[in-house]
Amino acid sequence: MYYHALTRVTHIEELAKVFCDLYHFEIVPYSADLRVDFVIDTDINRIYSPR
């Protein structure tokens, strides 16, 4: 899924929107109180669980 979305962007800043549009996810604004299950690290093209 990630790599498919990655092939559809020209700038990495577009990735979150394209990914969410393709797979019907919702973009949630940042909050320090928010706990995430997975991180998509676009610097190293890796998806991982932070815990």
Protein backbone atom coordinates (compact mmCIF):
# COMPACT_ATOMS: atom_id res chain seq x y z
CA MET A 1 0.00 0.00 0.00
CA TYR A 2 2.74 2.45 0.96
CA TYR A 3 4.82 1.81 -2.13
CA HIS A 4 1.76 2.05 -4.36
CA ALA A 5 0.95 5.49 -2.91
CA LEU A 6 4.60 6.49 -3.18
CA THR A 7 4.54 5.87 -6.94
CA ARG A 8 1.68 8.35 -7.29
CA VAL A 9 3.37 11.40 -5.74
CA THR A 10 5.86 13.82 -7.19
CA HIS A 11 6.67 15.45 -3.84
CA ILE A 12 6.90 13.51 -0.58
CA GLU A 13 4.75 16.15 1.13
CA GLU A 14 1.80 14.82 -0.91
CA LEU A 15 2.15 11.27 0.41
CA ALA A 16 -0.18 11.47 3.41
CA LYS A 17 -3.04 12.90 1.36
CA VAL A 18 -2.55 10.46 -1.52
CA PHE A 19 -2.27 7.48 0.83
CA CYS A 20 -5.40 8.47 2.73
CA ASP A 21 -7.35 9.15 -0.46
CA LEU A 22 -6.38 5.80 -1.98
CA TYR A 23 -7.19 3.71 1.09
CA HIS A 24 -9.99 5.76 2.68
CA PHE A 25 -8.10 6.81 5.79
CA GLU A 26 -8.67 10.08 7.61
CA ILE A 27 -5.87 12.58 8.22
CA VAL A 28 -5.84 13.35 11.93
CA PRO A 29 -4.24 16.62 13.08
CA TYR A 30 -1.18 16.29 15.31
CA SER A 31 -1.76 16.13 19.04
CA ALA A 32 0.78 15.36 21.76
CA ASP A 33 -1.95 13.29 23.44
CA LEU A 34 -2.42 11.06 20.41
CA ARG A 35 -0.94 7.56 20.58
CA VAL A 36 -0.10 5.98 17.25
CA ASP A 37 0.03 2.30 16.32
CA PHE A 38 2.36 2.73 13.35
CA VAL A 39 4.81 5.28 11.99
CA ILE A 40 5.51 5.81 8.30
CA ASP A 41 9.06 7.12 8.09
CA THR A 42 9.43 8.67 4.63
CA ASP A 43 13.12 9.42 5.16
CA ILE A 44 14.03 5.73 5.18
CA ASN A 45 10.87 4.24 3.57
CA ARG A 46 10.06 2.16 6.63
CA ILE A 47 6.80 1.45 8.47
CA TYR A 48 7.11 0.39 12.09
CA SER A 49 5.39 0.24 15.46
CA PRO A 50 6.94 2.78 17.87
CA ARG A 51 6.48 0.55 20.92
